[in-house]
PDB file of N, CA and C in Angstrom:
ATOM      1  N   MET A   1     -12.886   3.315 -10.607  1.00  0.00           N
ATOM      2  CA  MET A   1     -13.628   2.517  -9.668  1.00  0.00           C
ATOM      3  C   MET A   1     -14.230   1.287 -10.334  1.00  0.00           C
ATOM      4  N   VAL A   2     -14.642   1.430 -11.570  1.00  0.00           N
ATOM      5  CA  VAL A   2     -15.215   0.285 -12.285  1.00  0.00           C
ATOM      6  C   VAL A   2     -14.166  -0.817 -12.425  1.00  0.00           C
ATOM      7  N   LEU A   3     -12.911  -0.433 -12.657  1.00  0.00           N
ATOM      8  CA  LEU A   3     -11.831  -1.423 -12.752  1.00  0.00           C
ATOM      9  C   LEU A   3     -11.741  -2.244 -11.466  1.00  0.00           C
ATOM     10  N   TYR A   4     -11.820  -1.583 -10.313  1.00  0.00           N
ATOM     11  CA  TYR A   4     -11.713  -2.297  -9.041  1.00  0.00           C
ATOM     12  C   TYR A   4     -12.910  -3.224  -8.837  1.00  0.00           C
ATOM     13  N   ASN A   5     -14.040  -2.847  -9.383  1.00  0.00           N
ATOM     14  CA  ASN A   5     -15.217  -3.712  -9.368  1.00  0.00           C
ATOM     15  C   ASN A   5     -14.914  -5.001 -10.135  1.00  0.00           C
ATOM     16  N   GLN A   6     -14.258  -4.858 -11.278  1.00  0.00           N
ATOM     17  CA  GLN A   6     -13.935  -6.009 -12.125  1.00  0.00           C
ATOM     18  C   GLN A   6     -12.856  -6.894 -11.501  1.00  0.00           C
ATOM     19  N   VAL A   7     -11.899  -6.286 -10.838  1.00  0.00           N
ATOM     20  CA  VAL A   7     -10.760  -7.013 -10.267  1.00  0.00           C
ATOM     21  C   VAL A   7     -11.056  -7.489  -8.836  1.00  0.00           C
ATOM     22  N   ARG A   8     -12.160  -7.066  -8.277  1.00  0.00           N
ATOM     23  CA  ARG A   8     -12.498  -7.401  -6.890  1.00  0.00           C
ATOM     24  C   ARG A   8     -12.396  -8.896  -6.579  1.00  0.00           C
ATOM     25  N   PRO A   9     -12.834  -9.815  -7.467  1.00  0.00           N
ATOM     26  CA  PRO A   9     -12.670 -11.241  -7.146  1.00  0.00           C
ATOM     27  C   PRO A   9     -11.212 -11.633  -6.869  1.00  0.00           C
ATOM     28  N   GLU A  10     -10.272 -11.020  -7.590  1.00  0.00           N
ATOM     29  CA  GLU A  10      -8.853 -11.303  -7.328  1.00  0.00           C
ATOM     30  C   GLU A  10      -8.443 -10.774  -5.958  1.00  0.00           C
ATOM     31  N   PHE A  11      -8.949  -9.588  -5.597  1.00  0.00           N
ATOM     32  CA  PHE A  11      -8.665  -9.045  -4.264  1.00  0.00           C
ATOM     33  C   PHE A  11      -9.210  -9.988  -3.193  1.00  0.00           C
ATOM     34  N   LEU A  12     -10.440 -10.457  -3.389  1.00  0.00           N
ATOM     35  CA  LEU A  12     -11.070 -11.358  -2.417  1.00  0.00           C
ATOM     36  C   LEU A  12     -10.291 -12.659  -2.277  1.00  0.00           C
ATOM     37  N   ASN A  13      -9.714 -13.147  -3.380  1.00  0.00           N
ATOM     38  CA  ASN A  13      -8.885 -14.360  -3.325  1.00  0.00           C
ATOM     39  C   ASN A  13      -7.673 -14.183  -2.419  1.00  0.00           C
ATOM     40  N   HIS A  14      -7.240 -12.943  -2.254  1.00  0.00           N
ATOM     41  CA  HIS A  14      -6.110 -12.632  -1.370  1.00  0.00           C
ATOM     42  C   HIS A  14      -6.589 -12.289   0.042  1.00  0.00           C
ATOM     43  N   GLY A  15      -7.893 -12.413   0.276  1.00  0.00           N
ATOM     44  CA  GLY A  15      -8.439 -12.066   1.588  1.00  0.00           C
ATOM     45  C   GLY A  15      -8.565 -10.575   1.799  1.00  0.00           C
ATOM     46  N   ALA A  16      -8.593  -9.814   0.702  1.00  0.00           N
ATOM     47  CA  ALA A  16      -8.656  -8.353   0.773  1.00  0.00           C
ATOM     48  C   ALA A  16     -10.037  -7.865   0.350  1.00  0.00           C
ATOM     49  N   GLU A  17     -10.366  -6.667   0.763  1.00  0.00           N
ATOM     50  CA  GLU A  17     -11.619  -6.034   0.370  1.00  0.00           C
ATOM     51  C   GLU A  17     -11.315  -4.650  -0.182  1.00  0.00           C
ATOM     52  N   VAL A  18     -12.174  -4.188  -1.065  1.00  0.00           N
ATOM     53  CA  VAL A  18     -12.054  -2.856  -1.658  1.00  0.00           C
ATOM     54  C   VAL A  18     -12.989  -1.914  -0.913  1.00  0.00           C
ATOM     55  N   LEU A  19     -12.485  -0.732  -0.574  1.00  0.00           N
ATOM     56  CA  LEU A  19     -13.296   0.339  -0.010  1.00  0.00           C
ATOM     57  C   LEU A  19     -12.954   1.614  -0.752  1.00  0.00           C
ATOM     58  N   GLY A  20     -13.951   2.360  -1.143  1.00  0.00           N
ATOM     59  CA  GLY A  20     -13.725   3.667  -1.746  1.00  0.00           C
ATOM     60  C   GLY A  20     -14.010   4.741  -0.709  1.00  0.00           C
ATOM     61  N   VAL A  21     -13.183   5.767  -0.654  1.00  0.00           N
ATOM     62  CA  VAL A  21     -13.368   6.853   0.309  1.00  0.00           C
ATOM     63  C   VAL A  21     -13.268   8.176  -0.435  1.00  0.00           C
ATOM     64  N   SER A  22     -14.227   9.067  -0.193  1.00  0.00           N
ATOM     65  CA  SER A  22     -14.121  10.429  -0.722  1.00  0.00           C
ATOM     66  C   SER A  22     -14.867  11.378   0.206  1.00  0.00           C
ATOM     67  N   VAL A  23     -14.677  12.663  -0.008  1.00  0.00           N
ATOM     68  CA  VAL A  23     -15.314  13.670   0.837  1.00  0.00           C
ATOM     69  C   VAL A  23     -16.774  13.907   0.461  1.00  0.00           C
ATOM     70  N   ASP A  24     -17.272  13.225  -0.548  1.00  0.00           N
ATOM     71  CA  ASP A  24     -18.680  13.353  -0.921  1.00  0.00           C
ATOM     72  C   ASP A  24     -19.558  12.687   0.131  1.00  0.00           C
ATOM     73  N   GLY A  25     -20.811  13.106   0.185  1.00  0.00           N
ATOM     74  CA  GLY A  25     -21.755  12.556   1.145  1.00  0.00           C
ATOM     75  C   GLY A  25     -22.296  11.201   0.723  1.00  0.00           C
ATOM     76  N   ALA A  26     -22.997  10.567   1.646  1.00  0.00           N
ATOM     77  CA  ALA A  26     -23.537   9.225   1.418  1.00  0.00           C
ATOM     78  C   ALA A  26     -24.496   9.184   0.233  1.00  0.00           C
ATOM     79  N   TRP A  27     -25.313  10.224   0.052  1.00  0.00           N
ATOM     80  CA  TRP A  27     -26.271  10.225  -1.066  1.00  0.00           C
ATOM     81  C   TRP A  27     -25.542  10.296  -2.403  1.00  0.00           C
ATOM     82  N   CYS A  28     -24.470  11.059  -2.464  1.00  0.00           N
ATOM     83  CA  CYS A  28     -23.652  11.118  -3.690  1.00  0.00           C
ATOM     84  C   CYS A  28     -23.042   9.750  -3.968  1.00  0.00           C
ATOM     85  N   HIS A  29     -22.542   9.103  -2.928  1.00  0.00           N
ATOM     86  CA  HIS A  29     -21.943   7.775  -3.085  1.00  0.00           C
ATOM     87  C   HIS A  29     -22.973   6.765  -3.564  1.00  0.00           C
ATOM     88  N   GLN A  30     -24.175   6.851  -3.015  1.00  0.00           N
ATOM     89  CA  GLN A  30     -25.224   5.918  -3.415  1.00  0.00           C
ATOM     90  C   GLN A  30     -25.532   6.069  -4.902  1.00  0.00           C
ATOM     91  N   ALA A  31     -25.667   7.299  -5.376  1.00  0.00           N
ATOM     92  CA  ALA A  31     -25.948   7.543  -6.793  1.00  0.00           C
ATOM     93  C   ALA A  31     -24.775   7.106  -7.665  1.00  0.00           C
ATOM     94  N   PHE A  32     -23.549   7.414  -7.235  1.00  0.00           N
ATOM     95  CA  PHE A  32     -22.345   7.048  -7.977  1.00  0.00           C
ATOM     96  C   PHE A  32     -22.237   5.531  -8.104  1.00  0.00           C
ATOM     97  N   ALA A  33     -22.427   4.819  -6.993  1.00  0.00           N
ATOM     98  CA  ALA A  33     -22.323   3.354  -6.996  1.00  0.00           C
ATOM     99  C   ALA A  33     -23.404   2.728  -7.869  1.00  0.00           C
ATOM    100  N   LYS A  34     -24.601   3.270  -7.808  1.00  0.00           N
ATOM    101  CA  LYS A  34     -25.696   2.730  -8.618  1.00  0.00           C
ATOM    102  C   LYS A  34     -25.431   2.950 -10.102  1.00  0.00           C
ATOM    103  N   ALA A  35     -24.976   4.133 -10.466  1.00  0.00           N
ATOM    104  CA  ALA A  35     -24.717   4.458 -11.875  1.00  0.00           C
ATOM    105  C   ALA A  35     -23.614   3.586 -12.461  1.00  0.00           C
ATOM    106  N   ARG A  36     -22.666   3.163 -11.627  1.00  0.00           N
ATOM    107  CA  ARG A  36     -21.531   2.367 -12.105  1.00  0.00           C
ATOM    108  C   ARG A  36     -21.625   0.898 -11.702  1.00  0.00           C
ATOM    109  N   ASN A  37     -22.726   0.537 -11.055  1.00  0.00           N
ATOM    110  CA  ASN A  37     -22.967  -0.843 -10.636  1.00  0.00           C
ATOM    111  C   ASN A  37     -21.813  -1.391  -9.783  1.00  0.00           C
ATOM    112  N   LEU A  38     -21.366  -0.590  -8.831  1.00  0.00           N
ATOM    113  CA  LEU A  38     -20.253  -0.988  -7.966  1.00  0.00           C
ATOM    114  C   LEU A  38     -20.730  -1.976  -6.909  1.00  0.00           C
ATOM    115  N   HIS A  39     -19.860  -2.917  -6.559  1.00  0.00           N
ATOM    116  CA  HIS A  39     -20.192  -3.959  -5.594  1.00  0.00           C
ATOM    117  C   HIS A  39     -19.284  -3.924  -4.373  1.00  0.00           C
ATOM    118  N   PHE A  40     -18.842  -2.733  -4.009  1.00  0.00           N
ATOM    119  CA  PHE A  40     -18.041  -2.576  -2.799  1.00  0.00           C
ATOM    120  C   PHE A  40     -18.438  -1.267  -2.124  1.00  0.00           C
ATOM    121  N   PRO A  41     -18.178  -1.144  -0.832  1.00  0.00           N
ATOM    122  CA  PRO A  41     -18.613   0.035  -0.088  1.00  0.00           C
ATOM    123  C   PRO A  41     -17.860   1.304  -0.482  1.00  0.00           C
ATOM    124  N   LEU A  42     -18.597   2.407  -0.500  1.00  0.00           N
ATOM    125  CA  LEU A  42     -18.023   3.739  -0.641  1.00  0.00           C
ATOM    126  C   LEU A  42     -18.262   4.452   0.684  1.00  0.00           C
ATOM    127  N   LEU A  43     -17.203   4.941   1.282  1.00  0.00           N
ATOM    128  CA  LEU A  43     -17.286   5.561   2.595  1.00  0.00           C
ATOM    129  C   LEU A  43     -17.225   7.075   2.474  1.00  0.00           C
ATOM    130  N   ALA A  44     -18.119   7.752   3.179  1.00  0.00           N
ATOM    131  CA  ALA A  44     -18.216   9.210   3.121  1.00  0.00           C
ATOM    132  C   ALA A  44     -17.292   9.839   4.164  1.00  0.00           C
ATOM    133  N   ASP A  45     -16.250  10.490   3.696  1.00  0.00           N
ATOM    134  CA  ASP A  45     -15.307  11.222   4.550  1.00  0.00           C
ATOM    135  C   ASP A  45     -15.785  12.672   4.602  1.00  0.00           C
ATOM    136  N   PHE A  46     -17.040  12.827   4.990  1.00  0.00           N
ATOM    137  CA  PHE A  46     -17.767  14.087   4.830  1.00  0.00           C
ATOM    138  C   PHE A  46     -17.672  14.998   6.048  1.00  0.00           C
ATOM    139  N   GLU A  47     -17.737  14.427   7.246  1.00  0.00           N
ATOM    140  CA  GLU A  47     -17.756  15.251   8.441  1.00  0.00           C
ATOM    141  C   GLU A  47     -16.943  14.592   9.541  1.00  0.00           C
ATOM    142  N   PRO A  48     -15.893  15.155  10.038  1.00  0.00           N
ATOM    143  CA  PRO A  48     -15.330  16.399   9.521  1.00  0.00           C
ATOM    144  C   PRO A  48     -14.742  16.176   8.126  1.00  0.00           C
ATOM    145  N   LYS A  49     -14.951  17.131   7.262  1.00  0.00           N
ATOM    146  CA  LYS A  49     -14.564  16.981   5.860  1.00  0.00           C
ATOM    147  C   LYS A  49     -13.097  16.601   5.728  1.00  0.00           C
ATOM    148  N   GLY A  50     -12.882  15.437   5.082  1.00  0.00           N
ATOM    149  CA  GLY A  50     -11.526  14.982   4.811  1.00  0.00           C
ATOM    150  C   GLY A  50     -10.782  14.434   6.011  1.00  0.00           C
ATOM    151  N   GLY A  51     -11.461  14.190   7.120  1.00  0.00           N
ATOM    152  CA  GLY A  51     -10.785  13.716   8.332  1.00  0.00           C
ATOM    153  C   GLY A  51     -10.004  12.432   8.125  1.00  0.00           C
ATOM    154  N   VAL A  52     -10.619  11.462   7.467  1.00  0.00           N
ATOM    155  CA  VAL A  52      -9.939  10.187   7.207  1.00  0.00           C
ATOM    156  C   VAL A  52      -8.823  10.394   6.193  1.00  0.00           C
ATOM    157  N   SER A  53      -9.124  11.114   5.120  1.00  0.00           N
ATOM    158  CA  SER A  53      -8.118  11.374   4.082  1.00  0.00           C
ATOM    159  C   SER A  53      -6.908  12.092   4.666  1.00  0.00           C
ATOM    160  N   LYS A  54      -7.153  13.052   5.542  1.00  0.00           N
ATOM    161  CA  LYS A  54      -6.050  13.771   6.184  1.00  0.00           C
ATOM    162  C   LYS A  54      -5.190  12.817   7.006  1.00  0.00           C
ATOM    163  N   SER A  55      -5.821  11.884   7.714  1.00  0.00           N
ATOM    164  CA  SER A  55      -5.047  10.967   8.554  1.00  0.00           C
ATOM    165  C   SER A  55      -4.163  10.040   7.724  1.00  0.00           C
ATOM    166  N   TYR A  56      -4.514   9.856   6.453  1.00  0.00           N
ATOM    167  CA  TYR A  56      -3.700   9.041   5.545  1.00  0.00           C
ATOM    168  C   TYR A  56      -2.801   9.908   4.656  1.00  0.00           C
ATOM    169  N   GLY A  57      -2.787  11.210   4.888  1.00  0.00           N
ATOM    170  CA  GLY A  57      -1.968  12.107   4.083  1.00  0.00           C
ATOM    171  C   GLY A  57      -2.440  12.198   2.645  1.00  0.00           C
ATOM    172  N   ALA A  58      -3.745  12.037   2.436  1.00  0.00           N
ATOM    173  CA  ALA A  58      -4.286  11.984   1.077  1.00  0.00           C
ATOM    174  C   ALA A  58      -5.381  13.025   0.858  1.00  0.00           C
ATOM    175  N   TYR A  59      -5.248  14.176   1.508  1.00  0.00           N
ATOM    176  CA  TYR A  59      -6.254  15.234   1.357  1.00  0.00           C
ATOM    177  C   TYR A  59      -5.620  16.444   0.699  1.00  0.00           C
ATOM    178  N   ARG A  60      -6.261  16.958  -0.314  1.00  0.00           N
ATOM    179  CA  ARG A  60      -5.787  18.163  -1.011  1.00  0.00           C
ATOM    180  C   ARG A  60      -6.491  19.368  -0.395  1.00  0.00           C
ATOM    181  N   GLU A  61      -5.858  19.957   0.593  1.00  0.00           N
ATOM    182  CA  GLU A  61      -6.446  21.047   1.372  1.00  0.00           C
ATOM    183  C   GLU A  61      -6.936  22.191   0.487  1.00  0.00           C
ATOM    184  N   GLY A  62      -6.119  22.608  -0.471  1.00  0.00           N
ATOM    185  CA  GLY A  62      -6.488  23.730  -1.331  1.00  0.00           C
ATOM    186  C   GLY A  62      -7.695  23.460  -2.202  1.00  0.00           C
ATOM    187  N   ASP A  63      -7.892  22.194  -2.569  1.00  0.00           N
ATOM    188  CA  ASP A  63      -9.011  21.820  -3.439  1.00  0.00           C
ATOM    189  C   ASP A  63     -10.196  21.260  -2.663  1.00  0.00           C
ATOM    190  N   GLY A  64      -9.974  20.871  -1.420  1.00  0.00           N
ATOM    191  CA  GLY A  64     -11.047  20.306  -0.610  1.00  0.00           C
ATOM    192  C   GLY A  64     -11.497  18.929  -1.054  1.00  0.00           C
ATOM    193  N   VAL A  65     -10.570  18.154  -1.637  1.00  0.00           N
ATOM    194  CA  VAL A  65     -10.908  16.807  -2.120  1.00  0.00           C
ATOM    195  C   VAL A  65      -9.848  15.807  -1.656  1.00  0.00           C
ATOM    196  N   SER A  66     -10.229  14.541  -1.724  1.00  0.00           N
ATOM    197  CA  SER A  66      -9.270  13.469  -1.462  1.00  0.00           C
ATOM    198  C   SER A  66      -8.433  13.241  -2.707  1.00  0.00           C
ATOM    199  N   GLU A  67      -7.174  12.893  -2.511  1.00  0.00           N
ATOM    200  CA  GLU A  67      -6.319  12.527  -3.639  1.00  0.00           C
ATOM    201  C   GLU A  67      -6.702  11.148  -4.145  1.00  0.00           C
ATOM    202  N   ARG A  68      -6.235  10.822  -5.348  1.00  0.00           N
ATOM    203  CA  ARG A  68      -6.345   9.445  -5.829  1.00  0.00           C
ATOM    204  C   ARG A  68      -5.224   8.677  -5.157  1.00  0.00           C
ATOM    205  N   ALA A  69      -5.566   8.014  -4.094  1.00  0.00           N
ATOM    206  CA  ALA A  69      -4.561   7.299  -3.311  1.00  0.00           C
ATOM    207  C   ALA A  69      -5.027   5.873  -3.084  1.00  0.00           C
ATOM    208  N   LEU A  70      -4.090   4.951  -3.153  1.00  0.00           N
ATOM    209  CA  LEU A  70      -4.368   3.533  -2.945  1.00  0.00           C
ATOM    210  C   LEU A  70      -3.578   3.063  -1.738  1.00  0.00           C
ATOM    211  N   PHE A  71      -4.204   2.238  -0.914  1.00  0.00           N
ATOM    212  CA  PHE A  71      -3.540   1.704   0.268  1.00  0.00           C
ATOM    213  C   PHE A  71      -3.842   0.220   0.397  1.00  0.00           C
ATOM    214  N   VAL A  72      -2.832  -0.562   0.731  1.00  0.00           N
ATOM    215  CA  VAL A  72      -3.021  -1.946   1.148  1.00  0.00           C
ATOM    216  C   VAL A  72      -2.664  -1.946   2.630  1.00  0.00           C
ATOM    217  N   ILE A  73      -3.637  -2.329   3.441  1.00  0.00           N
ATOM    218  CA  ILE A  73      -3.475  -2.309   4.893  1.00  0.00           C
ATOM    219  C   ILE A  73      -3.462  -3.748   5.391  1.00  0.00           C
ATOM    220  N   ASP A  74      -2.462  -4.085   6.195  1.00  0.00           N
ATOM    221  CA  ASP A  74      -2.349  -5.475   6.656  1.00  0.00           C
ATOM    222  C   ASP A  74      -3.362  -5.786   7.756  1.00  0.00           C
ATOM    223  N   LYS A  75      -3.377  -7.030   8.204  1.00  0.00           N
ATOM    224  CA  LYS A  75      -4.377  -7.474   9.181  1.00  0.00           C
ATOM    225  C   LYS A  75      -4.227  -6.790  10.535  1.00  0.00           C
ATOM    226  N   ASN A  76      -3.082  -6.139  10.771  1.00  0.00           N
ATOM    227  CA  ASN A  76      -2.862  -5.398  12.012  1.00  0.00           C
ATOM    228  C   ASN A  76      -3.212  -3.921  11.882  1.00  0.00           C
ATOM    229  N   GLY A  77      -3.713  -3.525  10.707  1.00  0.00           N
ATOM    230  CA  GLY A  77      -4.090  -2.134  10.490  1.00  0.00           C
ATOM    231  C   GLY A  77      -2.939  -1.232  10.092  1.00  0.00           C
ATOM    232  N   VAL A  78      -1.821  -1.818   9.680  1.00  0.00           N
ATOM    233  CA  VAL A  78      -0.633  -1.057   9.289  1.00  0.00           C
ATOM    234  C   VAL A  78      -0.590  -0.945   7.765  1.00  0.00           C
ATOM    235  N   ILE A  79      -0.270   0.247   7.279  1.00  0.00           N
ATOM    236  CA  ILE A  79      -0.157   0.436   5.829  1.00  0.00           C
ATOM    237  C   ILE A  79       1.045  -0.353   5.333  1.00  0.00           C
ATOM    238  N   PHE A  80       0.795  -1.335   4.475  1.00  0.00           N
ATOM    239  CA  PHE A  80       1.842  -2.171   3.893  1.00  0.00           C
ATOM    240  C   PHE A  80       2.354  -1.557   2.596  1.00  0.00           C
ATOM    241  N   TRP A  81       1.451  -0.928   1.835  1.00  0.00           N
ATOM    242  CA  TRP A  81       1.798  -0.358   0.530  1.00  0.00           C
ATOM    243  C   TRP A  81       0.863   0.811   0.267  1.00  0.00           C
ATOM    244  N   SER A  82       1.386   1.834  -0.395  1.00  0.00           N
ATOM    245  CA  SER A  82       0.536   2.962  -0.785  1.00  0.00           C
ATOM    246  C   SER A  82       1.050   3.578  -2.073  1.00  0.00           C
ATOM    247  N   TYR A  83       0.153   4.257  -2.750  1.00  0.00           N
ATOM    248  CA  TYR A  83       0.494   4.932  -4.008  1.00  0.00           C
ATOM    249  C   TYR A  83      -0.451   6.111  -4.182  1.00  0.00           C
ATOM    250  N   ARG A  84       0.111   7.252  -4.541  1.00  0.00           N
ATOM    251  CA  ARG A  84      -0.690   8.434  -4.857  1.00  0.00           C
ATOM    252  C   ARG A  84      -0.539   8.722  -6.340  1.00  0.00           C
ATOM    253  N   SER A  85      -1.665   8.865  -6.994  1.00  0.00           N
ATOM    254  CA  SER A  85      -1.692   9.070  -8.436  1.00  0.00           C
ATOM    255  C   SER A  85      -2.153  10.490  -8.742  1.00  0.00           C
ATOM    256  N   PRO A  86      -1.632  11.092  -9.817  1.00  0.00           N
ATOM    257  CA  PRO A  86      -2.188  12.381 -10.235  1.00  0.00           C
ATOM    258  C   PRO A  86      -3.693  12.231 -10.479  1.00  0.00           C
ATOM    259  N   LEU A  87      -4.463  13.283 -10.198  1.00  0.00           N
ATOM    260  CA  LEU A  87      -5.916  13.205 -10.320  1.00  0.00           C
ATOM    261  C   LEU A  87      -6.375  12.768 -11.703  1.00  0.00           C
ATOM    262  N   ALA A  88      -5.668  13.151 -12.737  1.00  0.00           N
ATOM    263  CA  ALA A  88      -6.095  12.840 -14.103  1.00  0.00           C
ATOM    264  C   ALA A  88      -5.640  11.458 -14.578  1.00  0.00           C
ATOM    265  N   VAL A  89      -4.927  10.716 -13.731  1.00  0.00           N
ATOM    266  CA  VAL A  89      -4.369   9.425 -14.140  1.00  0.00           C
ATOM    267  C   VAL A  89      -5.057   8.300 -13.370  1.00  0.00           C
ATOM    268  N   ASN A  90      -5.530   7.290 -14.098  1.00  0.00           N
ATOM    269  CA  ASN A  90      -6.104   6.105 -13.456  1.00  0.00           C
ATOM    270  C   ASN A  90      -4.946   5.249 -12.958  1.00  0.00           C
ATOM    271  N   PRO A  91      -4.856   5.001 -11.646  1.00  0.00           N
ATOM    272  CA  PRO A  91      -3.712   4.262 -11.115  1.00  0.00           C
ATOM    273  C   PRO A  91      -3.731   2.764 -11.401  1.00  0.00           C
ATOM    274  N   GLY A  92      -4.827   2.237 -11.899  1.00  0.00           N
ATOM    275  CA  GLY A  92      -4.892   0.818 -12.221  1.00  0.00           C
ATOM    276  C   GLY A  92      -4.902  -0.063 -10.986  1.00  0.00           C
ATOM    277  N   ALA A  93      -4.762  -1.367 -11.204  1.00  0.00           N
ATOM    278  CA  ALA A  93      -4.835  -2.334 -10.108  1.00  0.00           C
ATOM    279  C   ALA A  93      -3.561  -3.152  -9.951  1.00  0.00           C
ATOM    280  N   ASP A  94      -2.618  -3.035 -10.873  1.00  0.00           N
ATOM    281  CA  ASP A  94      -1.415  -3.868 -10.826  1.00  0.00           C
ATOM    282  C   ASP A  94      -0.616  -3.689  -9.542  1.00  0.00           C
ATOM    283  N   GLY A  95      -0.454  -2.449  -9.093  1.00  0.00           N
ATOM    284  CA  GLY A  95       0.298  -2.200  -7.866  1.00  0.00           C
ATOM    285  C   GLY A  95      -0.356  -2.844  -6.660  1.00  0.00           C
ATOM    286  N   ILE A  96      -1.675  -2.776  -6.606  1.00  0.00           N
ATOM    287  CA  ILE A  96      -2.410  -3.389  -5.497  1.00  0.00           C
ATOM    288  C   ILE A  96      -2.211  -4.900  -5.512  1.00  0.00           C
ATOM    289  N   LEU A  97      -2.397  -5.508  -6.680  1.00  0.00           N
ATOM    290  CA  LEU A  97      -2.260  -6.962  -6.786  1.00  0.00           C
ATOM    291  C   LEU A  97      -0.849  -7.412  -6.433  1.00  0.00           C
ATOM    292  N   ASN A  98       0.144  -6.660  -6.888  1.00  0.00           N
ATOM    293  CA  ASN A  98       1.531  -6.987  -6.549  1.00  0.00           C
ATOM    294  C   ASN A  98       1.750  -6.914  -5.041  1.00  0.00           C
ATOM    295  N   ALA A  99       1.221  -5.868  -4.411  1.00  0.00           N
ATOM    296  CA  ALA A  99       1.368  -5.725  -2.959  1.00  0.00           C
ATOM    297  C   ALA A  99       0.663  -6.859  -2.221  1.00  0.00           C
ATOM    298  N   LEU A 100      -0.525  -7.246  -2.692  1.00  0.00           N
ATOM    299  CA  LEU A 100      -1.255  -8.340  -2.044  1.00  0.00           C
ATOM    300  C   LEU A 100      -0.491  -9.653  -2.142  1.00  0.00           C
ATOM    301  N   GLU A 101       0.201  -9.856  -3.264  1.00  0.00           N
ATOM    302  CA  GLU A 101       0.999 -11.076  -3.427  1.00  0.00           C
ATOM    303  C   GLU A 101       2.195 -11.094  -2.480  1.00  0.00           C
ATOM    304  N   ARG A 102       2.721  -9.918  -2.144  1.00  0.00           N
ATOM    305  CA  ARG A 102       3.880  -9.821  -1.251  1.00  0.00           C
ATOM    306  C   ARG A 102       3.497  -9.712   0.222  1.00  0.00           C
ATOM    307  N   LEU A 103       2.230  -9.477   0.488  1.00  0.00           N
ATOM    308  CA  LEU A 103       1.761  -9.280   1.858  1.00  0.00           C
ATOM    309  C   LEU A 103       1.930 -10.563   2.670  1.00  0.00           C
ATOM    310  N   PRO A 104       2.635 -10.488   3.801  1.00  0.00           N
ATOM    311  CA  PRO A 104       2.787 -11.693   4.631  1.00  0.00           C
ATOM    312  C   PRO A 104       1.422 -12.171   5.130  1.00  0.00           C
ATOM    313  N   SER A 105       1.267 -13.479   5.236  1.00  0.00           N
ATOM    314  CA  SER A 105      -0.030 -14.012   5.693  1.00  0.00           C
ATOM    315  C   SER A 105      -0.119 -14.143   7.193  1.00  0.00           C
TER     316      SER A 105
END
């Protein structure tokens, strides 16, 4: 998440915004964002638990957590690009930036 904080100006140059989503509650997100000095919203997919993550196919039912998943959504609300990363692997920002460069305006 700290990486996306650092790369956020490049996302903004493409007219994109960063949003973090997890099944943790708002208070957990507030503490997490403060500890890491994040400058983008973290959304609580808390109730119903994983509802948003499930709709994107990014919920690990057996573990009760959201996957590490990245999505670039176009101005019409359609998923243009997505990537699911193993939980232990940082997916980086290159794929997102590449997708933003290819995204039709």
